[in-house]
Amino acid sequence: MEHPYLFLVKLFEAIGLGSFAHHYPHVIYSWFVMALLIIAGSAAAKGVSMIPTKGQNFFELLVSGLEEFMVTITGDEGRWLFPIIATVFIYIAVCNLIGLVPGFFPPTANLNTTLSCALVVVVFTHVIGVKYHGAGYIKHFMGPVWWMVPIILPIEVIGHVARILSLSFRLFGNMMGHELVLGILFFLAGAFLAPLPIMALGIFVALVQAFVFFLLSVMYFTGAMEHAH
């Protein structure tokens, strides 16, 4: 369903890039989210003080709580993974939430965006495996005894491909479904009062979906760090 109005698409039309904007709105809004996070991160870094403000206390509590939650799964040796997985979490959460703003499109409602995030996680999972186990990481795909390799290897390969599909399609499906519901309500009942309950629910869905992506990624990273059985 066509979104009723996309602010950045109209802006790109004004500068002569309307065709690109209409074909790839998820790319434009991904750029916007990245720029927003860079600016917000820079401003937050400059505002850090030894005597924290209420805002700083809140975000320190949020980040430390998320980190400790991850460490309970990975163990303390997995703490170094937090920056990358937290970045993915924040990016996905903002991409999800931005779709609730009138005139904005959530990049995660496009499969290309969710697939790119899933590929980053799955590829980095194998980077972690090689880092911890070297060439012995191949044992994760071989099974406990040599004669089971013809059975276990295809299952493991299919399982790792399924991780990509699971991460990307789950996030895409939920966000696209929310966009379709909002689009129908905009069409049937106007742009303001009717969609408000769905938009309130959308905040919850956006955060939950980002957390689910975060949690599954942490579990994949933990599996790569563990020794093969």
C-alpha atoms as a PDB file:
ATOM      1  CA  MET A   1       0.000   0.000   0.000  1.00  0.00           C
ATOM      2  CA  GLU A   2       1.292   3.463  -0.890  1.00  0.00           C
ATOM      3  CA  HIS A   3       2.176   5.578   2.125  1.00  0.00           C
ATOM      4  CA  PRO A   4      -0.061   8.703   2.138  1.00  0.00           C
ATOM      5  CA  TYR A   5       2.811  11.186   2.435  1.00  0.00           C
ATOM      6  CA  LEU A   6       6.577  10.871   2.799  1.00  0.00           C
ATOM      7  CA  PHE A   7       8.337  14.074   3.743  1.00  0.00           C
ATOM      8  CA  LEU A   8      11.855  13.131   2.593  1.00  0.00           C
ATOM      9  CA  VAL A   9      10.542  11.751  -0.703  1.00  0.00           C
ATOM     10  CA  LYS A  10       8.904  15.116  -1.396  1.00  0.00           C
ATOM     11  CA  LEU A  11      12.170  16.812  -0.468  1.00  0.00           C
ATOM     12  CA  PHE A  12      14.101  14.654  -2.941  1.00  0.00           C
ATOM     13  CA  GLU A  13      11.490  15.429  -5.594  1.00  0.00           C
ATOM     14  CA  ALA A  14      12.169  19.131  -5.068  1.00  0.00           C
ATOM     15  CA  ILE A  15      15.873  18.636  -5.859  1.00  0.00           C
ATOM     16  CA  GLY A  16      15.223  16.470  -8.927  1.00  0.00           C
ATOM     17  CA  LEU A  17      15.736  13.017  -7.379  1.00  0.00           C
ATOM     18  CA  GLY A  18      12.087  12.025  -7.185  1.00  0.00           C
ATOM     19  CA  SER A  19      12.494   8.806  -9.197  1.00  0.00           C
ATOM     20  CA  PHE A  20      15.193   7.478  -6.862  1.00  0.00           C
ATOM     21  CA  ALA A  21      13.206   8.539  -3.800  1.00  0.00           C
ATOM     22  CA  HIS A  22      10.030   6.767  -4.930  1.00  0.00           C
ATOM     23  CA  HIS A  23      11.884   3.546  -5.737  1.00  0.00           C
ATOM     24  CA  TYR A  24      14.106   3.480  -2.646  1.00  0.00           C
ATOM     25  CA  PRO A  25      12.406   5.303   0.258  1.00  0.00           C
ATOM     26  CA  HIS A  26      13.950   2.829   2.701  1.00  0.00           C
ATOM     27  CA  VAL A  27      17.437   3.935   1.598  1.00  0.00           C
ATOM     28  CA  ILE A  28      16.626   7.613   2.121  1.00  0.00           C
ATOM     29  CA  TYR A  29      15.148   7.012   5.555  1.00  0.00           C
ATOM     30  CA  SER A  30      18.058   4.738   6.492  1.00  0.00           C
ATOM     31  CA  TRP A  31      20.404   7.615   5.659  1.00  0.00           C
ATOM     32  CA  PHE A  32      18.236   9.892   7.779  1.00  0.00           C
ATOM     33  CA  VAL A  33      18.348   7.509  10.758  1.00  0.00           C
ATOM     34  CA  MET A  34      22.129   7.128  10.460  1.00  0.00           C
ATOM     35  CA  ALA A  35      22.598  10.900  10.338  1.00  0.00           C
ATOM     36  CA  LEU A  36      20.227  11.322  13.284  1.00  0.00           C
ATOM     37  CA  LEU A  37      22.141   8.763  15.374  1.00  0.00           C
ATOM     38  CA  ILE A  38      25.522  10.281  14.511  1.00  0.00           C
ATOM     39  CA  ILE A  39      24.358  13.763  15.476  1.00  0.00           C
ATOM     40  CA  ALA A  40      22.624  12.543  18.643  1.00  0.00           C
ATOM     41  CA  GLY A  41      25.661  10.442  19.620  1.00  0.00           C
ATOM     42  CA  SER A  42      28.035  13.357  19.126  1.00  0.00           C
ATOM     43  CA  ALA A  43      25.817  15.690  21.135  1.00  0.00           C
ATOM     44  CA  ALA A  44      25.428  13.110  23.905  1.00  0.00           C
ATOM     45  CA  ALA A  45      29.185  12.524  24.086  1.00  0.00           C
ATOM     46  CA  LYS A  46      29.839  16.253  24.485  1.00  0.00           C
ATOM     47  CA  GLY A  47      27.193  16.473  27.193  1.00  0.00           C
ATOM     48  CA  VAL A  48      28.665  13.744  29.421  1.00  0.00           C
ATOM     49  CA  SER A  49      29.765  15.110  32.793  1.00  0.00           C
ATOM     50  CA  MET A  50      31.183  13.759  36.045  1.00  0.00           C
ATOM     51  CA  ILE A  51      28.032  14.942  37.786  1.00  0.00           C
ATOM     52  CA  PRO A  52      25.345  13.296  35.658  1.00  0.00           C
ATOM     53  CA  THR A  53      22.081  14.963  34.792  1.00  0.00           C
ATOM     54  CA  LYS A  54      18.760  13.145  34.985  1.00  0.00           C
ATOM     55  CA  GLY A  55      18.961  12.359  31.276  1.00  0.00           C
ATOM     56  CA  GLN A  56      22.486  11.003  31.611  1.00  0.00           C
ATOM     57  CA  ASN A  57      21.454   8.882  34.590  1.00  0.00           C
ATOM     58  CA  PHE A  58      18.560   7.434  32.602  1.00  0.00           C
ATOM     59  CA  PHE A  59      20.668   6.479  29.587  1.00  0.00           C
ATOM     60  CA  GLU A  60      23.509   5.134  31.721  1.00  0.00           C
ATOM     61  CA  LEU A  61      21.013   2.940  33.541  1.00  0.00           C
ATOM     62  CA  LEU A  62      19.491   1.796  30.244  1.00  0.00           C
ATOM     63  CA  VAL A  63      22.832   0.994  28.593  1.00  0.00           C
ATOM     64  CA  SER A  64      24.324  -0.706  31.654  1.00  0.00           C
ATOM     65  CA  GLY A  65      21.159  -2.759  32.134  1.00  0.00           C
ATOM     66  CA  LEU A  66      21.239  -3.888  28.505  1.00  0.00           C
ATOM     67  CA  GLU A  67      24.924  -4.739  28.801  1.00  0.00           C
ATOM     68  CA  GLU A  68      24.490  -6.735  32.003  1.00  0.00           C
ATOM     69  CA  PHE A  69      21.574  -8.602  30.459  1.00  0.00           C
ATOM     70  CA  MET A  70      23.812  -9.577  27.544  1.00  0.00           C
ATOM     71  CA  VAL A  71      26.650 -10.622  29.866  1.00  0.00           C
ATOM     72  CA  THR A  72      24.315 -12.972  31.755  1.00  0.00           C
ATOM     73  CA  ILE A  73      23.944 -14.875  28.466  1.00  0.00           C
ATOM     74  CA  THR A  74      27.438 -14.624  26.969  1.00  0.00           C
ATOM     75  CA  GLY A  75      29.482 -14.535  30.154  1.00  0.00           C
ATOM     76  CA  ASP A  76      31.942 -11.776  30.987  1.00  0.00           C
ATOM     77  CA  GLU A  77      34.151 -12.706  28.021  1.00  0.00           C
ATOM     78  CA  GLY A  78      31.369 -11.575  25.692  1.00  0.00           C
ATOM     79  CA  ARG A  79      31.325  -8.023  27.051  1.00  0.00           C
ATOM     80  CA  TRP A  80      33.480  -6.807  24.148  1.00  0.00           C
ATOM     81  CA  LEU A  81      30.617  -7.652  21.768  1.00  0.00           C
ATOM     82  CA  PHE A  82      28.282  -5.139  23.365  1.00  0.00           C
ATOM     83  CA  PRO A  83      29.188  -2.102  21.198  1.00  0.00           C
ATOM     84  CA  ILE A  84      28.279  -3.811  17.919  1.00  0.00           C
ATOM     85  CA  ILE A  85      25.113  -5.482  19.147  1.00  0.00           C
ATOM     86  CA  ALA A  86      23.985  -2.324  20.974  1.00  0.00           C
ATOM     87  CA  THR A  87      24.538  -0.332  17.782  1.00  0.00           C
ATOM     88  CA  VAL A  88      22.369  -2.773  15.831  1.00  0.00           C
ATOM     89  CA  PHE A  89      19.712  -2.617  18.553  1.00  0.00           C
ATOM     90  CA  ILE A  90      19.619   1.198  18.616  1.00  0.00           C
ATOM     91  CA  TYR A  91      19.587   1.418  14.819  1.00  0.00           C
ATOM     92  CA  ILE A  92      16.692  -1.040  14.486  1.00  0.00           C
ATOM     93  CA  ALA A  93      14.738   0.549  17.346  1.00  0.00           C
ATOM     94  CA  VAL A  94      15.014   4.035  15.818  1.00  0.00           C
ATOM     95  CA  CYS A  95      14.172   2.687  12.342  1.00  0.00           C
ATOM     96  CA  ASN A  96      11.062   1.073  13.813  1.00  0.00           C
ATOM     97  CA  LEU A  97       9.990   4.086  15.859  1.00  0.00           C
ATOM     98  CA  ILE A  98      10.506   6.656  13.120  1.00  0.00           C
ATOM     99  CA  GLY A  99       7.636   5.123  11.169  1.00  0.00           C
ATOM    100  CA  LEU A 100       5.265   6.392  13.869  1.00  0.00           C
ATOM    101  CA  VAL A 101       6.061   9.990  12.911  1.00  0.00           C
ATOM    102  CA  PRO A 102       3.665  11.274  10.220  1.00  0.00           C
ATOM    103  CA  GLY A 103       5.486  11.713   6.937  1.00  0.00           C
ATOM    104  CA  PHE A 104       8.230   9.223   7.787  1.00  0.00           C
ATOM    105  CA  PHE A 105       8.768   5.647   6.621  1.00  0.00           C
ATOM    106  CA  PRO A 106      10.354   2.929   8.795  1.00  0.00           C
ATOM    107  CA  PRO A 107      13.324   1.471   6.844  1.00  0.00           C
ATOM    108  CA  THR A 108      12.737  -1.866   8.580  1.00  0.00           C
ATOM    109  CA  ALA A 109       9.416  -2.170   6.721  1.00  0.00           C
ATOM    110  CA  ASN A 110      11.543  -3.029   3.672  1.00  0.00           C
ATOM    111  CA  LEU A 111      13.145  -6.461   3.400  1.00  0.00           C
ATOM    112  CA  ASN A 112      16.410  -5.052   2.061  1.00  0.00           C
ATOM    113  CA  THR A 113      17.034  -3.205   5.339  1.00  0.00           C
ATOM    114  CA  THR A 114      16.240  -6.136   7.610  1.00  0.00           C
ATOM    115  CA  LEU A 115      18.227  -8.509   5.409  1.00  0.00           C
ATOM    116  CA  SER A 116      21.298  -6.270   5.611  1.00  0.00           C
ATOM    117  CA  CYS A 117      21.074  -6.235   9.425  1.00  0.00           C
ATOM    118  CA  ALA A 118      20.641 -10.019   9.515  1.00  0.00           C
ATOM    119  CA  LEU A 119      23.654 -10.548   7.254  1.00  0.00           C
ATOM    120  CA  VAL A 120      25.818  -8.361   9.498  1.00  0.00           C
ATOM    121  CA  VAL A 121      24.857 -10.427  12.545  1.00  0.00           C
ATOM    122  CA  VAL A 122      25.256 -13.839  10.912  1.00  0.00           C
ATOM    123  CA  VAL A 123      28.571 -13.001   9.211  1.00  0.00           C
ATOM    124  CA  PHE A 124      29.930 -11.549  12.462  1.00  0.00           C
ATOM    125  CA  THR A 125      28.804 -14.726  14.248  1.00  0.00           C
ATOM    126  CA  HIS A 126      31.261 -16.697  12.118  1.00  0.00           C
ATOM    127  CA  VAL A 127      33.965 -14.065  12.633  1.00  0.00           C
ATOM    128  CA  ILE A 128      33.541 -14.633  16.378  1.00  0.00           C
ATOM    129  CA  GLY A 129      33.713 -18.402  15.877  1.00  0.00           C
ATOM    130  CA  VAL A 130      36.980 -18.187  13.951  1.00  0.00           C
ATOM    131  CA  LYS A 131      38.399 -15.698  16.485  1.00  0.00           C
ATOM    132  CA  TYR A 132      37.743 -18.053  19.407  1.00  0.00           C
ATOM    133  CA  HIS A 133      38.423 -21.424  17.804  1.00  0.00           C
ATOM    134  CA  GLY A 134      40.520 -20.789  14.704  1.00  0.00           C
ATOM    135  CA  ALA A 135      40.248 -23.563  12.116  1.00  0.00           C
ATOM    136  CA  GLY A 136      38.634 -25.725  14.803  1.00  0.00           C
ATOM    137  CA  TYR A 137      35.435 -23.698  14.368  1.00  0.00           C
ATOM    138  CA  ILE A 138      34.554 -26.092  11.553  1.00  0.00           C
ATOM    139  CA  LYS A 139      33.801 -28.682  14.269  1.00  0.00           C
ATOM    140  CA  HIS A 140      30.611 -26.746  15.029  1.00  0.00           C
ATOM    141  CA  PHE A 141      29.306 -28.018  11.676  1.00  0.00           C
ATOM    142  CA  MET A 142      30.600 -31.584  11.817  1.00  0.00           C
ATOM    143  CA  GLY A 143      28.795 -33.245  14.706  1.00  0.00           C
ATOM    144  CA  PRO A 144      30.270 -35.356  17.542  1.00  0.00           C
ATOM    145  CA  VAL A 145      31.618 -38.231  15.376  1.00  0.00           C
ATOM    146  CA  TRP A 146      33.078 -38.295  11.846  1.00  0.00           C
ATOM    147  CA  TRP A 147      30.523 -40.667  10.338  1.00  0.00           C
ATOM    148  CA  MET A 148      27.699 -38.214  11.137  1.00  0.00           C
ATOM    149  CA  VAL A 149      29.256 -35.431   9.034  1.00  0.00           C
ATOM    150  CA  PRO A 150      27.127 -36.160   5.901  1.00  0.00           C
ATOM    151  CA  ILE A 151      24.022 -35.758   8.058  1.00  0.00           C
ATOM    152  CA  ILE A 152      25.010 -32.947  10.429  1.00  0.00           C
ATOM    153  CA  LEU A 153      26.797 -30.672   7.940  1.00  0.00           C
ATOM    154  CA  PRO A 154      23.760 -30.046   5.649  1.00  0.00           C
ATOM    155  CA  ILE A 155      21.538 -29.543   8.709  1.00  0.00           C
ATOM    156  CA  GLU A 156      23.943 -26.973  10.172  1.00  0.00           C
ATOM    157  CA  VAL A 157      24.264 -25.123   6.855  1.00  0.00           C
ATOM    158  CA  ILE A 158      20.481 -24.994   6.475  1.00  0.00           C
ATOM    159  CA  GLY A 159      20.183 -23.845  10.086  1.00  0.00           C
ATOM    160  CA  HIS A 160      22.575 -20.945   9.581  1.00  0.00           C
ATOM    161  CA  VAL A 161      20.791 -19.866   6.389  1.00  0.00           C
ATOM    162  CA  ALA A 162      17.521 -20.082   8.311  1.00  0.00           C
ATOM    163  CA  ARG A 163      18.956 -17.647  10.862  1.00  0.00           C
ATOM    164  CA  ILE A 164      19.231 -15.021   8.137  1.00  0.00           C
ATOM    165  CA  LEU A 165      15.665 -15.661   7.010  1.00  0.00           C
ATOM    166  CA  SER A 166      14.357 -15.710  10.575  1.00  0.00           C
ATOM    167  CA  LEU A 167      15.980 -12.430  11.593  1.00  0.00           C
ATOM    168  CA  SER A 168      15.086 -10.572   8.412  1.00  0.00           C
ATOM    169  CA  PHE A 169      11.544 -11.828   7.742  1.00  0.00           C
ATOM    170  CA  ARG A 170      10.364 -11.589  11.370  1.00  0.00           C
ATOM    171  CA  LEU A 171      11.345  -7.940  11.665  1.00  0.00           C
ATOM    172  CA  PHE A 172      10.191  -7.075   8.137  1.00  0.00           C
ATOM    173  CA  GLY A 173       6.834  -8.816   8.546  1.00  0.00           C
ATOM    174  CA  ASN A 174       5.971  -7.106  11.810  1.00  0.00           C
ATOM    175  CA  MET A 175       6.943  -3.631  10.657  1.00  0.00           C
ATOM    176  CA  MET A 176       5.312  -3.983   7.244  1.00  0.00           C
ATOM    177  CA  GLY A 177       2.141  -5.284   8.889  1.00  0.00           C
ATOM    178  CA  HIS A 178       2.054  -2.262  11.161  1.00  0.00           C
ATOM    179  CA  GLU A 179       2.535   0.075   8.186  1.00  0.00           C
ATOM    180  CA  LEU A 180      -0.320  -1.605   6.301  1.00  0.00           C
ATOM    181  CA  VAL A 181      -2.660  -1.261   9.263  1.00  0.00           C
ATOM    182  CA  LEU A 182      -1.772   2.418   9.649  1.00  0.00           C
ATOM    183  CA  GLY A 183      -2.218   2.961   5.908  1.00  0.00           C
ATOM    184  CA  ILE A 184      -5.708   1.437   5.994  1.00  0.00           C
ATOM    185  CA  LEU A 185      -6.693   3.571   8.987  1.00  0.00           C
ATOM    186  CA  PHE A 186      -5.351   6.709   7.313  1.00  0.00           C
ATOM    187  CA  PHE A 187      -7.452   5.905   4.260  1.00  0.00           C
ATOM    188  CA  LEU A 188     -10.652   4.998   6.106  1.00  0.00           C
ATOM    189  CA  ALA A 189     -10.723   7.373   9.054  1.00  0.00           C
ATOM    190  CA  GLY A 190      -8.379  10.284   8.492  1.00  0.00           C
ATOM    191  CA  ALA A 191      -4.840  11.072   9.462  1.00  0.00           C
ATOM    192  CA  PHE A 192      -5.167  11.947  13.141  1.00  0.00           C
ATOM    193  CA  LEU A 193      -7.475  10.448  15.753  1.00  0.00           C
ATOM    194  CA  ALA A 194      -8.247   6.990  14.390  1.00  0.00           C
ATOM    195  CA  PRO A 195      -4.663   5.688  14.076  1.00  0.00           C
ATOM    196  CA  LEU A 196      -3.654   6.798  17.602  1.00  0.00           C
ATOM    197  CA  PRO A 197      -4.388   3.460  19.362  1.00  0.00           C
ATOM    198  CA  ILE A 198      -2.450   1.573  16.677  1.00  0.00           C
ATOM    199  CA  MET A 199       0.405   4.069  16.928  1.00  0.00           C
ATOM    200  CA  ALA A 200       0.535   3.589  20.715  1.00  0.00           C
ATOM    201  CA  LEU A 201       0.678  -0.170  20.197  1.00  0.00           C
ATOM    202  CA  GLY A 202       3.280   0.457  17.491  1.00  0.00           C
ATOM    203  CA  ILE A 203       5.712   1.901  20.059  1.00  0.00           C
ATOM    204  CA  PHE A 204       5.511  -1.354  22.004  1.00  0.00           C
ATOM    205  CA  VAL A 205       5.888  -3.476  18.858  1.00  0.00           C
ATOM    206  CA  ALA A 206       8.844  -1.404  17.631  1.00  0.00           C
ATOM    207  CA  LEU A 207      10.764  -1.821  20.875  1.00  0.00           C
ATOM    208  CA  VAL A 208       9.898  -5.497  21.277  1.00  0.00           C
ATOM    209  CA  GLN A 209      11.011  -6.327  17.731  1.00  0.00           C
ATOM    210  CA  ALA A 210      14.314  -4.507  18.251  1.00  0.00           C
ATOM    211  CA  PHE A 211      14.835  -6.407  21.511  1.00  0.00           C
ATOM    212  CA  VAL A 212      14.000  -9.758  19.893  1.00  0.00           C
ATOM    213  CA  PHE A 213      16.589  -9.066  17.182  1.00  0.00           C
ATOM    214  CA  PHE A 214      19.076  -8.117  19.916  1.00  0.00           C
ATOM    215  CA  LEU A 215      18.348 -11.258  21.956  1.00  0.00           C
ATOM    216  CA  LEU A 216      18.623 -13.662  19.019  1.00  0.00           C
ATOM    217  CA  SER A 217      21.882 -12.016  17.922  1.00  0.00           C
ATOM    218  CA  VAL A 218      23.340 -12.424  21.420  1.00  0.00           C
ATOM    219  CA  MET A 219      22.372 -16.108  21.421  1.00  0.00           C
ATOM    220  CA  TYR A 220      24.038 -16.641  18.043  1.00  0.00           C
ATOM    221  CA  PHE A 221      27.203 -14.903  19.259  1.00  0.00           C
ATOM    222  CA  THR A 222      27.214 -17.045  22.411  1.00  0.00           C
ATOM    223  CA  GLY A 223      26.869 -20.236  20.377  1.00  0.00           C
ATOM    224  CA  ALA A 224      29.865 -19.248  18.254  1.00  0.00           C
ATOM    225  CA  MET A 225      31.997 -18.667  21.352  1.00  0.00           C
ATOM    226  CA  GLU A 226      31.176 -22.027  22.915  1.00  0.00           C
ATOM    227  CA  HIS A 227      33.176 -25.147  22.175  1.00  0.00           C
ATOM    228  CA  ALA A 228      31.696 -27.653  19.761  1.00  0.00           C
ATOM    229  CA  HIS A 229      29.989 -30.676  21.298  1.00  0.00           C
END
